[in-house]
Amino acid sequence: MGTHPSLPSQDFAAGRSLREIVEENPVLLTETLSKKFGNELPFLFKVLSIGKTLCIQAHPDRELAPQLHARDSVTYPGKSM
């Protein structure tokens, strides 16, 4: 769970985001986290279900990406670098 801007965790009972809760109560974070992130928890929490098979998403580095795109632009549609 985190305060990532694109989808912060929510406390639906209180009607507030985790971002708001942490900003109002910085004591909730450990000293180590506070030193590193301030009042932020910049994590994007994802839950994966084991109920069905999921493909693995992997991103090639800057050297491999243009080679894959040149070889198969349908499967690797990213811009050539």
C-alpha atoms as a PDB file:
ATOM      1  CA  MET A   1       0.000   0.000   0.000  1.00  0.00           C
ATOM      2  CA  GLY A   2       1.274   3.441  -0.717  1.00  0.00           C
ATOM      3  CA  THR A   3       0.705   7.095  -1.507  1.00  0.00           C
ATOM      4  CA  HIS A   4       1.686   6.889  -5.180  1.00  0.00           C
ATOM      5  CA  PRO A   5       0.043   9.872  -6.934  1.00  0.00           C
ATOM      6  CA  SER A   6      -1.493   7.767  -9.700  1.00  0.00           C
ATOM      7  CA  LEU A   7      -3.448   5.569  -7.291  1.00  0.00           C
ATOM      8  CA  PRO A   8      -2.968   6.175  -3.563  1.00  0.00           C
ATOM      9  CA  SER A   9      -4.447   3.619  -1.190  1.00  0.00           C
ATOM     10  CA  GLN A  10      -7.811   4.633   0.258  1.00  0.00           C
ATOM     11  CA  ASP A  11      -9.447   4.376   3.656  1.00  0.00           C
ATOM     12  CA  PHE A  12     -13.016   4.098   2.432  1.00  0.00           C
ATOM     13  CA  ALA A  13     -14.508   4.194   5.926  1.00  0.00           C
ATOM     14  CA  ALA A  14     -12.847   7.557   6.611  1.00  0.00           C
ATOM     15  CA  GLY A  15     -13.225   8.755   3.021  1.00  0.00           C
ATOM     16  CA  ARG A  16      -9.560   9.747   2.799  1.00  0.00           C
ATOM     17  CA  SER A  17      -6.493   8.607   0.925  1.00  0.00           C
ATOM     18  CA  LEU A  18      -3.455   7.134   2.644  1.00  0.00           C
ATOM     19  CA  ARG A  19      -1.575  10.189   1.362  1.00  0.00           C
ATOM     20  CA  GLU A  20      -3.877  12.476   3.376  1.00  0.00           C
ATOM     21  CA  ILE A  21      -3.646  10.276   6.469  1.00  0.00           C
ATOM     22  CA  VAL A  22       0.161  10.191   6.399  1.00  0.00           C
ATOM     23  CA  GLU A  23       0.398  13.946   5.792  1.00  0.00           C
ATOM     24  CA  GLU A  24      -1.800  14.573   8.843  1.00  0.00           C
ATOM     25  CA  ASN A  25      -0.064  11.908  10.980  1.00  0.00           C
ATOM     26  CA  PRO A  26       3.644  11.694  10.027  1.00  0.00           C
ATOM     27  CA  VAL A  27       4.311   9.796  13.249  1.00  0.00           C
ATOM     28  CA  LEU A  28       2.772   6.740  11.538  1.00  0.00           C
ATOM     29  CA  LEU A  29       5.984   6.305   9.518  1.00  0.00           C
ATOM     30  CA  THR A  30       9.224   5.044  10.970  1.00  0.00           C
ATOM     31  CA  GLU A  31      12.144   7.434  11.259  1.00  0.00           C
ATOM     32  CA  THR A  32      13.975   5.540   8.488  1.00  0.00           C
ATOM     33  CA  LEU A  33      11.048   5.910   6.068  1.00  0.00           C
ATOM     34  CA  SER A  34      10.555   9.565   6.973  1.00  0.00           C
ATOM     35  CA  LYS A  35      14.213  10.343   6.292  1.00  0.00           C
ATOM     36  CA  LYS A  36      14.093   8.588   2.938  1.00  0.00           C
ATOM     37  CA  PHE A  37      10.641   9.581   1.640  1.00  0.00           C
ATOM     38  CA  GLY A  38       9.355  12.425   3.839  1.00  0.00           C
ATOM     39  CA  ASN A  39       5.591  12.025   4.230  1.00  0.00           C
ATOM     40  CA  GLU A  40       5.347   9.891   1.102  1.00  0.00           C
ATOM     41  CA  LEU A  41       5.143   6.165   0.522  1.00  0.00           C
ATOM     42  CA  PRO A  42       5.812   6.188  -3.236  1.00  0.00           C
ATOM     43  CA  PHE A  43       4.818   2.586  -3.776  1.00  0.00           C
ATOM     44  CA  LEU A  44       2.226   1.398  -6.252  1.00  0.00           C
ATOM     45  CA  PHE A  45       0.671  -1.657  -4.634  1.00  0.00           C
ATOM     46  CA  LYS A  46      -0.508  -4.377  -6.996  1.00  0.00           C
ATOM     47  CA  VAL A  47      -2.361  -7.547  -6.131  1.00  0.00           C
ATOM     48  CA  LEU A  48      -1.983 -10.470  -8.484  1.00  0.00           C
ATOM     49  CA  SER A  49      -4.448 -13.328  -8.463  1.00  0.00           C
ATOM     50  CA  ILE A  50      -3.215 -16.882  -8.580  1.00  0.00           C
ATOM     51  CA  GLY A  51      -6.630 -17.844  -9.928  1.00  0.00           C
ATOM     52  CA  LYS A  52      -5.501 -17.477 -13.530  1.00  0.00           C
ATOM     53  CA  THR A  53      -2.225 -17.467 -15.377  1.00  0.00           C
ATOM     54  CA  LEU A  54      -0.726 -14.051 -16.041  1.00  0.00           C
ATOM     55  CA  CYS A  55       1.978 -13.196 -18.510  1.00  0.00           C
ATOM     56  CA  ILE A  56       5.177 -11.635 -17.219  1.00  0.00           C
ATOM     57  CA  GLN A  57       5.810  -8.061 -18.262  1.00  0.00           C
ATOM     58  CA  ALA A  58       9.474  -7.277 -18.795  1.00  0.00           C
ATOM     59  CA  HIS A  59      11.006  -4.209 -20.355  1.00  0.00           C
ATOM     60  CA  PRO A  60      14.157  -4.447 -22.473  1.00  0.00           C
ATOM     61  CA  ASP A  61      17.027  -2.050 -21.852  1.00  0.00           C
ATOM     62  CA  ARG A  62      17.953   0.767 -24.267  1.00  0.00           C
ATOM     63  CA  GLU A  63      20.261  -1.476 -26.277  1.00  0.00           C
ATOM     64  CA  LEU A  64      17.885  -4.401 -26.714  1.00  0.00           C
ATOM     65  CA  ALA A  65      14.674  -2.415 -27.374  1.00  0.00           C
ATOM     66  CA  PRO A  66      15.602  -1.151 -30.877  1.00  0.00           C
ATOM     67  CA  GLN A  67      16.830  -4.623 -31.890  1.00  0.00           C
ATOM     68  CA  LEU A  68      13.550  -6.247 -30.845  1.00  0.00           C
ATOM     69  CA  HIS A  69      11.511  -3.519 -32.537  1.00  0.00           C
ATOM     70  CA  ALA A  70      13.482  -3.914 -35.794  1.00  0.00           C
ATOM     71  CA  ARG A  71      12.973  -7.685 -35.716  1.00  0.00           C
ATOM     72  CA  ASP A  72       9.252  -7.695 -34.814  1.00  0.00           C
ATOM     73  CA  SER A  73       7.524  -4.318 -34.584  1.00  0.00           C
ATOM     74  CA  VAL A  74       4.109  -5.909 -33.943  1.00  0.00           C
ATOM     75  CA  THR A  75       5.188  -7.705 -30.779  1.00  0.00           C
ATOM     76  CA  TYR A  76       7.581  -4.896 -29.767  1.00  0.00           C
ATOM     77  CA  PRO A  77       5.756  -1.733 -30.852  1.00  0.00           C
ATOM     78  CA  GLY A  78       7.845   0.728 -28.849  1.00  0.00           C
ATOM     79  CA  LYS A  79       9.629   3.455 -30.727  1.00  0.00           C
ATOM     80  CA  SER A  80      12.988   2.558 -32.161  1.00  0.00           C
ATOM     81  CA  MET A  81      15.778   4.448 -30.352  1.00  0.00           C
END
